[in-house]
Structures are given as C-alpha cells and as structure tokens.
Amino acid sequence: MTKRFRLYRRAKTGRFYIHDSITGKQDSLHSSDRATAIRLLHSRNEAEEQPAVNLQIARAYLAATDPHIGTRTWQYVMDEMVKLKRGETQRRWLVAVKDKALDTVRDLAVLQTRAEHFLRVLEAGKVSTNVHLRRLHNLALDMNWLPWPVLAKRQWPKVQFKDKRAITWEEHQAIVAREQNAERKAFYQLAWHLGASQSDIAFLEAENIDWEHNVISYARKKTGTIALMRFDHEMAAILRSLPASGALFPYLRTVRASDRATEFKQRCERLGIQGITLHSYRYAWAERAKKAGYPERFAQEALGHNSKAVHRAYARKAQVELPALGEYERQRAMFLEGKAAEPIVCAGGA
C-alpha cells in the first residue's frame, strides 16, 4: 500500500520535511535528526491509516498529564468561569451559564467535543450564547483542558448585536413628565445628566458628592473604574432634592436591575416610545458630549470607560456640525484678543 507521506531532506538547511502525496503540501518537521524525522513520518502515516486508534492513543497520552481530561465537562468549565469573576460580572455569568442553549453540551466531556456540537448550540442560542460560548472555549484552551480548538476562529458565526440608540431629549422629557414617583423621576433625571449605568446610579450615596468642588465620583460596579464628573446647577438641583446622607435612592437600590429595566420599558410603551432602554442614557450622554465638542478624554473619564474604542462606540451616531474654518478662525482671533469667549469647536443640539 502506498504511503501518503514521504520524507525528504533539504541540503541547504539539513532539515527534514514531509511531502503529502495527495495535497502536494510540504511541512517542516523542525528537526535535523534522521531518527526523529523517521519516527514522525511513521506517526503521520499511521494516523492516516488508523484514525480511530490514534485518537485513543492521543487520549491516553493526554490522560497521563491530566487525569481528569477524559471526564471534565463543559459544566465544569462554566463553574470555573464563574469563580474567576467578581461582583456584577460574576452575577452576569451566573445568569449566562443557565442559558438553555448550552444544555446540549453541559454534560459533554470537553475532550469529546466536536465542531457540530458547538454549531448546534449556536443555532439554538442567541447573540449572547455566541459571546459566552466563545469565552468558555477560550478558557478551556488557555487552561489546556482542550488540546486543540473545537472551532477555528474564522468558523465562528459573526456576532451581530441589535442596533442600539440613544434616548432623545424629547423622549426623556415625556418620560419625566409622566412619572409620578418622585424617586424614580429623580433617577431618570440624574441618568440624563450623569450618563451612568442604572446600577451605578441606583447605588449612589450622598458621600459620593463633593459639594465644595461640585464633583460627583463613584467606582463603576462593572469594572471598578473610577468615574468622575463636575456637575452644573441643573444637576445640583436634582441632587439637593435627594437624601442628604446615605443612599440617594433607598428604594431603587433594593430593586433588581432587570426589574428597573422592566419598569422603564413599561413607561416607554405607554408613551409609544420604542427602541430604548435605561442604557440608552449612556449613549445619549456620549453623543451629547461629542456634539458639543467636549474633549474625548474628559468624556471617557466621566463615563468611566477604560477603552477609547468602547467610548467611541457609544458616541458613533452623534451628528456633529463643524463650523466653517473662516468663522472658527475669526472666533479664535477674537478670543486671543480678549473680545470673545473661547470658540466652539463643534456644535449640535442636545
């Protein structure tokens, strides 16, 4: 029987290569030792002739280095992922691993996973399933629980998130005008001015406010990053209407984030407003900052974004109106002469 692979040596480097008689491809064996090269050649040919037997041999070798590699399931990987997270991120993962689409691989041994197993999960799941399964797969690879990828990176279905948009000033005003609960009304008003996530706002305390310098600061629950913002008189009026000590929103901080989101959705539906969530206030703040020409580094610090890329994604839909160059030059010259306020870099309605 003709062997698929044959051995040859390059005279210039002294290294051994194998030639695939079917595909015509040549691969380096990364060795100049003939005995080693012959052994690798025989392994390739044996693997071609007896794939099932060689899979068992591979498992036997792997079991020698990791005794649990044959019994470790994807549920184990999920549990370890949750243990690695902290705070709000850990809570999100606790919800994510309960995804019903993952049930088909939950009790499947990691080493026995084939590409079709993952493809069935992705077909049954949603966008979040794709995101979380990728991360579980990467964790298994990084921890050497998987000797090779189940799905090559280019074979993963593209993650396509739903389009997200900012809440408009008119929509915000309608929601606030309709709201009868004082605490919830102040919550929505502060969301417009602060641009923080709903959990960060709900857990604000009076101690986060520096009245001497008109600054509010807090550690983001999601990342731990410090967000810091100077507030104006409008926001100050809202803050003064809230408790002077302790929690600013004593009731809303006891409500689950999903329940706060549901309450907001119900108010939007009554007003015929669609396509927004509480998180839309963050998009709105980022877009307003970009329209107004607010320096990006200031906006990034105010929203607590670690990454410029993330911040730009939030503000990507801002409709910026640039002034004419001649007008800008005249404003700049008048500013330098002390005859006018600092020129506006760009403008747009809030």
Protein backbone atom coordinates (compact mmCIF):
# COMPACT_ATOMS: atom_id res chain seq x y z
CA MET A 1 0.00 0.00 0.00
CA THR A 2 1.36 3.41 -0.97
CA LYS A 3 2.02 5.68 1.97
CA ARG A 4 0.50 9.15 1.85
CA PHE A 5 3.54 10.92 3.35
CA ARG A 6 7.18 10.59 2.32
CA LEU A 7 10.33 12.04 3.83
CA TYR A 8 12.98 14.26 2.25
CA ARG A 9 15.79 16.48 3.48
CA ARG A 10 16.81 19.90 2.25
CA ALA A 11 20.50 20.09 1.57
CA LYS A 12 20.79 23.80 2.30
CA THR A 13 19.41 23.68 5.88
CA GLY A 14 19.75 19.99 6.72
CA ARG A 15 16.16 19.93 7.99
CA PHE A 16 13.70 17.15 7.27
CA TYR A 17 10.33 17.71 5.61
CA ILE A 18 7.38 15.51 4.74
CA HIS A 19 5.57 15.64 1.42
CA ASP A 20 1.82 14.97 1.20
CA SER A 21 1.23 12.98 -1.98
CA ILE A 22 -2.47 13.93 -2.02
CA THR A 23 -2.34 17.69 -1.50
CA GLY A 24 1.24 18.26 -2.65
CA LYS A 25 1.91 20.27 0.50
CA GLN A 26 5.27 20.11 2.29
CA ASP A 27 5.63 20.58 6.05
CA SER A 28 8.78 21.01 8.08
CA LEU A 29 9.37 18.50 10.87
CA HIS A 30 11.59 21.10 12.63
CA SER A 31 14.33 18.55 13.10
CA SER A 32 17.68 17.67 11.52
CA ASP A 33 17.86 14.31 13.27
CA ARG A 34 17.04 11.39 10.93
CA ALA A 35 15.76 9.06 13.65
CA THR A 36 13.36 11.69 14.95
CA ALA A 37 12.20 12.54 11.43
CA ILE A 38 11.52 8.88 10.59
CA ARG A 39 9.53 8.43 13.80
CA LEU A 40 7.39 11.49 12.98
CA LEU A 41 6.89 10.24 9.42
CA HIS A 42 5.62 6.87 10.66
CA SER A 43 3.28 8.65 13.09
CA ARG A 44 1.77 10.67 10.26
CA ASN A 45 1.21 7.64 8.10
CA GLU A 46 -0.22 5.58 10.96
CA ALA A 47 -2.58 8.40 11.87
CA GLU A 48 -3.82 8.42 8.26
CA GLU A 49 -4.37 4.64 8.20
CA GLN A 50 -5.89 4.21 11.67
CA PRO A 51 -7.53 7.49 12.77
CA ALA A 52 -9.81 5.93 15.42
CA VAL A 53 -6.96 4.02 17.07
CA ASN A 54 -4.70 7.05 17.08
CA LEU A 55 -7.40 9.15 18.74
CA GLN A 56 -7.43 6.66 21.60
CA ILE A 57 -3.65 6.79 21.76
CA ALA A 58 -3.75 10.59 21.91
CA ARG A 59 -6.25 10.46 24.75
CA ALA A 60 -4.04 8.01 26.63
CA TYR A 61 -1.08 10.38 26.36
CA LEU A 62 -3.18 13.34 27.45
CA ALA A 63 -4.60 11.43 30.42
CA ALA A 64 -1.06 10.85 31.66
CA THR A 65 -0.53 14.59 32.06
CA ASP A 66 -4.09 15.42 33.22
CA PRO A 67 -6.04 12.57 34.89
CA HIS A 68 -9.35 14.49 34.63
CA ILE A 69 -9.12 15.33 30.94
CA GLY A 70 -11.41 12.47 29.94
CA THR A 71 -14.17 13.32 32.44
CA ARG A 72 -14.07 17.13 32.61
CA THR A 73 -17.35 18.51 31.23
CA TRP A 74 -18.39 21.92 29.96
CA GLN A 75 -20.37 22.42 33.17
CA TYR A 76 -17.04 22.28 35.00
CA VAL A 77 -15.66 24.96 32.65
CA MET A 78 -18.76 27.11 33.32
CA ASP A 79 -18.34 26.75 37.09
CA GLU A 80 -14.67 27.73 36.88
CA MET A 81 -15.51 30.76 34.74
CA VAL A 82 -17.97 31.98 37.36
CA LYS A 83 -15.34 31.55 40.10
CA LEU A 84 -12.89 33.73 38.19
CA LYS A 85 -15.29 36.68 38.08
CA ARG A 86 -16.20 39.18 40.80
CA GLY A 87 -19.10 41.47 41.63
CA GLU A 88 -21.52 42.44 38.89
CA THR A 89 -19.58 40.48 36.25
CA GLN A 90 -19.90 37.30 38.30
CA ARG A 91 -23.66 37.87 38.61
CA ARG A 92 -23.90 38.24 34.83
CA TRP A 93 -22.05 34.97 34.32
CA LEU A 94 -24.30 33.17 36.80
CA VAL A 95 -27.20 34.13 34.55
CA ALA A 96 -25.31 33.38 31.32
CA VAL A 97 -24.41 29.77 32.20
CA LYS A 98 -28.10 28.97 32.73
CA ASP A 99 -28.75 29.56 29.02
CA LYS A 100 -30.88 26.61 27.81
CA ALA A 101 -28.99 26.54 24.51
CA LEU A 102 -25.94 25.30 26.45
CA ASP A 103 -27.82 22.26 27.78
CA THR A 104 -26.74 20.08 24.84
CA VAL A 105 -23.04 20.39 25.80
CA ARG A 106 -23.38 20.98 29.53
CA ASP A 107 -22.66 17.33 30.46
CA LEU A 108 -20.48 16.61 27.43
CA ALA A 109 -16.82 15.81 28.10
CA VAL A 110 -14.64 18.66 26.88
CA LEU A 111 -12.24 16.30 25.12
CA GLN A 112 -15.08 14.61 23.21
CA THR A 113 -16.49 17.87 21.83
CA ARG A 114 -16.73 18.13 18.06
CA ALA A 115 -17.43 21.14 15.88
CA GLU A 116 -21.00 20.05 15.19
CA HIS A 117 -21.76 20.11 18.93
CA PHE A 118 -20.91 23.81 19.08
CA LEU A 119 -22.73 24.56 15.83
CA ARG A 120 -25.95 23.06 17.24
CA VAL A 121 -25.61 25.24 20.36
CA LEU A 122 -25.09 28.35 18.25
CA GLU A 123 -28.10 27.52 16.09
CA ALA A 124 -30.34 27.17 19.15
CA GLY A 125 -28.94 30.17 21.01
CA LYS A 126 -28.86 33.92 20.64
CA VAL A 127 -26.14 36.53 20.28
CA SER A 128 -25.26 36.24 23.97
CA THR A 129 -24.85 32.45 23.53
CA ASN A 130 -22.26 33.07 20.83
CA VAL A 131 -20.35 35.53 23.02
CA HIS A 132 -20.33 33.38 26.16
CA LEU A 133 -19.57 30.10 24.37
CA ARG A 134 -16.54 31.73 22.72
CA ARG A 135 -15.25 32.80 26.14
CA LEU A 136 -15.81 29.35 27.64
CA HIS A 137 -14.00 27.82 24.66
CA ASN A 138 -11.07 30.23 25.10
CA LEU A 139 -10.87 29.48 28.83
CA ALA A 140 -10.69 25.73 28.11
CA LEU A 141 -7.89 26.35 25.61
CA ASP A 142 -5.96 28.67 27.92
CA MET A 143 -6.16 26.15 30.79
CA ASN A 144 -5.03 23.30 28.49
CA TRP A 145 -8.31 21.45 29.07
CA LEU A 146 -8.65 21.39 25.28
CA PRO A 147 -5.61 20.22 23.27
CA TRP A 148 -6.90 21.98 20.12
CA PRO A 149 -9.73 24.37 19.17
CA VAL A 150 -13.18 22.86 18.66
CA LEU A 151 -13.98 25.57 16.11
CA ALA A 152 -11.36 27.56 14.25
CA LYS A 153 -11.64 31.30 14.89
CA ARG A 154 -12.78 32.07 11.34
CA GLN A 155 -15.55 29.43 11.56
CA TRP A 156 -17.39 31.05 14.45
CA PRO A 157 -20.59 32.81 13.30
CA LYS A 158 -20.18 36.57 13.34
CA VAL A 159 -21.53 38.28 16.46
CA GLN A 160 -24.22 40.71 15.33
CA PHE A 161 -25.70 42.82 18.10
CA LYS A 162 -29.03 44.58 17.74
CA ASP A 163 -28.78 48.23 16.83
CA LYS A 164 -28.69 50.44 19.89
CA ARG A 165 -29.59 54.10 20.05
CA ALA A 166 -29.60 56.99 22.46
CA ILE A 167 -32.69 58.40 24.13
CA THR A 168 -33.64 61.82 22.76
CA TRP A 169 -34.30 64.95 24.80
CA GLU A 170 -37.97 64.89 23.80
CA GLU A 171 -38.36 61.25 24.85
CA HIS A 172 -36.65 61.91 28.15
CA GLN A 173 -38.87 64.91 28.85
CA ALA A 174 -42.01 62.89 28.08
CA ILE A 175 -40.96 60.09 30.45
CA VAL A 176 -40.12 62.50 33.27
CA ALA A 177 -43.35 64.46 32.82
CA ARG A 178 -45.40 61.26 33.02
CA GLU A 179 -43.58 59.85 36.08
CA GLN A 180 -45.48 60.31 39.34
CA ASN A 181 -42.97 58.68 41.70
CA ALA A 182 -40.51 61.33 42.94
CA GLU A 183 -37.62 58.95 43.50
CA ARG A 184 -37.94 57.35 40.09
CA LYS A 185 -38.34 60.74 38.40
CA ALA A 186 -35.10 61.96 40.00
CA PHE A 187 -33.46 58.69 38.93
CA TYR A 188 -34.31 59.33 35.26
CA GLN A 189 -33.27 62.99 35.50
CA LEU A 190 -29.92 62.06 37.02
CA ALA A 191 -29.42 59.41 34.32
CA TRP A 192 -29.73 62.15 31.67
CA HIS A 193 -27.21 64.44 33.37
CA LEU A 194 -24.80 61.78 34.66
CA GLY A 195 -24.87 59.19 31.87
CA ALA A 196 -24.03 56.41 34.32
CA SER A 197 -25.32 52.84 34.16
CA GLN A 198 -28.55 52.19 36.02
CA SER A 199 -26.85 50.13 38.76
CA ASP A 200 -24.21 52.79 39.36
CA ILE A 201 -26.90 55.46 39.75
CA ALA A 202 -29.11 53.30 41.98
CA PHE A 203 -26.23 52.69 44.42
CA LEU A 204 -25.02 56.30 44.64
CA GLU A 205 -24.69 57.74 48.14
CA ALA A 206 -24.53 61.30 49.45
CA GLU A 207 -20.86 60.68 50.27
CA ASN A 208 -20.12 60.42 46.53
CA ILE A 209 -20.87 64.14 46.15
CA ASP A 210 -18.21 66.81 46.73
CA TRP A 211 -20.31 69.96 47.13
CA GLU A 212 -17.26 72.18 47.62
CA HIS A 213 -15.98 71.44 44.12
CA ASN A 214 -19.31 70.41 42.51
CA VAL A 215 -17.95 66.96 41.68
CA ILE A 216 -19.59 63.53 41.86
CA SER A 217 -17.44 60.40 41.74
CA TYR A 218 -18.05 56.67 42.12
CA ALA A 219 -16.49 53.31 41.33
CA ARG A 220 -18.24 51.54 38.46
CA LYS A 221 -19.76 48.25 39.53
CA LYS A 222 -18.91 46.54 36.25
CA THR A 223 -15.20 47.39 36.04
CA GLY A 224 -14.24 49.10 39.30
CA THR A 225 -13.06 52.11 37.27
CA ILE A 226 -13.48 55.48 38.96
CA ALA A 227 -15.90 57.77 37.11
CA LEU A 228 -15.64 61.45 37.97
CA MET A 229 -17.77 64.33 36.76
CA ARG A 230 -18.25 68.00 37.59
CA PHE A 231 -21.93 68.96 37.70
CA ASP A 232 -23.76 72.20 36.86
CA HIS A 233 -26.60 74.00 38.66
CA GLU A 234 -29.32 71.89 36.99
CA MET A 235 -27.81 68.66 38.21
CA ALA A 236 -27.10 70.23 41.59
CA ALA A 237 -30.83 70.99 41.98
CA ILE A 238 -31.65 67.33 41.35
CA LEU A 239 -29.02 66.14 43.84
CA ARG A 240 -30.28 68.54 46.54
CA SER A 241 -33.77 67.04 46.23
CA LEU A 242 -32.35 63.65 47.26
CA PRO A 243 -31.36 62.48 50.79
CA ALA A 244 -28.52 64.48 52.33
CA SER A 245 -26.90 61.35 53.81
CA GLY A 246 -26.78 57.67 52.99
CA ALA A 247 -28.32 56.21 49.84
CA LEU A 248 -29.64 58.69 47.28
CA PHE A 249 -32.17 56.12 46.04
CA PRO A 250 -33.02 53.96 49.08
CA TYR A 251 -35.81 52.04 47.34
CA LEU A 252 -34.42 51.66 43.82
CA ARG A 253 -31.14 50.22 45.11
CA THR A 254 -33.12 47.28 46.57
CA VAL A 255 -34.73 46.54 43.18
CA ARG A 256 -33.07 44.13 40.79
CA ALA A 257 -31.56 45.66 37.65
CA SER A 258 -33.90 43.59 35.47
CA ASP A 259 -36.92 44.94 37.37
CA ARG A 260 -35.75 48.54 37.00
CA ALA A 261 -35.34 47.88 33.27
CA THR A 262 -38.84 46.38 33.05
CA GLU A 263 -40.40 49.36 34.83
CA PHE A 264 -38.67 51.73 32.41
CA LYS A 265 -39.81 49.66 29.42
CA GLN A 266 -43.42 49.79 30.65
CA ARG A 267 -43.28 53.59 30.86
CA CYS A 268 -41.86 53.79 27.34
CA GLU A 269 -44.60 51.52 25.97
CA ARG A 270 -47.32 53.68 27.49
CA LEU A 271 -45.84 56.67 25.67
CA GLY A 272 -45.36 54.80 22.42
CA ILE A 273 -41.54 55.04 22.67
CA GLN A 274 -39.61 52.15 21.17
CA GLY A 275 -36.01 51.07 20.78
CA ILE A 276 -34.56 52.41 24.01
CA THR A 277 -33.56 51.04 27.43
CA LEU A 278 -32.09 52.58 30.56
CA HIS A 279 -28.67 52.06 28.99
CA SER A 280 -29.71 54.46 26.22
CA TYR A 281 -28.96 57.29 28.66
CA ARG A 282 -25.25 56.42 28.42
CA TYR A 283 -25.39 56.58 24.63
CA ALA A 284 -27.22 59.90 24.87
CA TRP A 285 -24.60 61.41 27.19
CA ALA A 286 -21.74 60.27 24.94
CA GLU A 287 -23.43 61.66 21.82
CA ARG A 288 -24.22 64.98 23.50
CA ALA A 289 -20.60 65.29 24.60
CA LYS A 290 -19.33 64.63 21.09
CA LYS A 291 -21.76 67.10 19.52
CA ALA A 292 -20.74 69.79 21.97
CA GLY A 293 -17.02 69.30 21.27
CA TYR A 294 -16.37 68.02 24.80
CA PRO A 295 -12.79 66.65 24.89
CA GLU A 296 -12.83 62.88 24.47
CA ARG A 297 -10.51 62.24 27.42
CA PHE A 298 -12.91 64.15 29.70
CA ALA A 299 -15.96 62.29 28.39
CA GLN A 300 -14.18 58.97 28.75
CA GLU A 301 -13.33 59.72 32.38
CA ALA A 302 -16.86 60.96 33.13
CA LEU A 303 -18.42 57.74 31.82
CA GLY A 304 -15.76 55.51 33.38
CA HIS A 305 -14.67 53.92 30.09
CA ASN A 306 -11.30 52.17 30.18
CA SER A 307 -11.09 51.94 26.40
CA LYS A 308 -11.24 54.70 23.80
CA ALA A 309 -12.70 52.16 21.38
CA VAL A 310 -15.61 51.47 23.72
CA HIS A 311 -16.23 55.16 24.28
CA ARG A 312 -16.22 55.87 20.55
CA ALA A 313 -18.70 53.05 20.00
CA TYR A 314 -21.07 54.80 22.39
CA ALA A 315 -20.75 58.13 20.58
CA ARG A 316 -20.57 56.81 17.00
CA LYS A 317 -24.03 58.07 15.99
CA ALA A 318 -23.54 61.65 17.11
CA GLN A 319 -24.43 64.11 14.34
CA VAL A 320 -21.61 66.63 14.59
CA GLU A 321 -21.89 70.03 12.89
CA LEU A 322 -18.50 71.58 12.25
CA PRO A 323 -18.20 75.37 11.92
CA ALA A 324 -16.72 76.88 8.78
CA LEU A 325 -12.95 77.26 9.01
CA GLY A 326 -13.09 81.01 8.38
CA GLU A 327 -15.70 81.50 11.11
CA TYR A 328 -13.65 79.43 13.52
CA GLU A 329 -10.51 81.45 12.73
CA ARG A 330 -12.35 84.72 13.39
CA GLN A 331 -13.73 83.42 16.69
CA ARG A 332 -10.27 82.20 17.68
CA ALA A 333 -8.66 85.55 16.86
CA MET A 334 -11.30 87.43 18.88
CA PHE A 335 -10.75 85.06 21.79
CA LEU A 336 -7.00 85.68 21.76
CA GLU A 337 -7.67 89.44 21.74
CA GLY A 338 -9.99 89.06 24.70
CA LYS A 339 -13.05 90.23 22.76
CA ALA A 340 -14.99 86.96 22.82
CA ALA A 341 -15.46 83.74 24.71
CA GLU A 342 -13.48 80.65 23.71
CA PRO A 343 -14.59 79.48 20.23
CA ILE A 344 -16.79 76.42 19.96
CA VAL A 345 -15.05 73.52 18.24
CA CYS A 346 -18.29 71.90 17.06
CA ALA A 347 -21.93 72.31 17.83
CA GLY A 348 -25.12 70.33 17.88
CA GLY A 349 -28.43 70.22 19.72
CA ALA A 350 -28.69 68.23 22.95
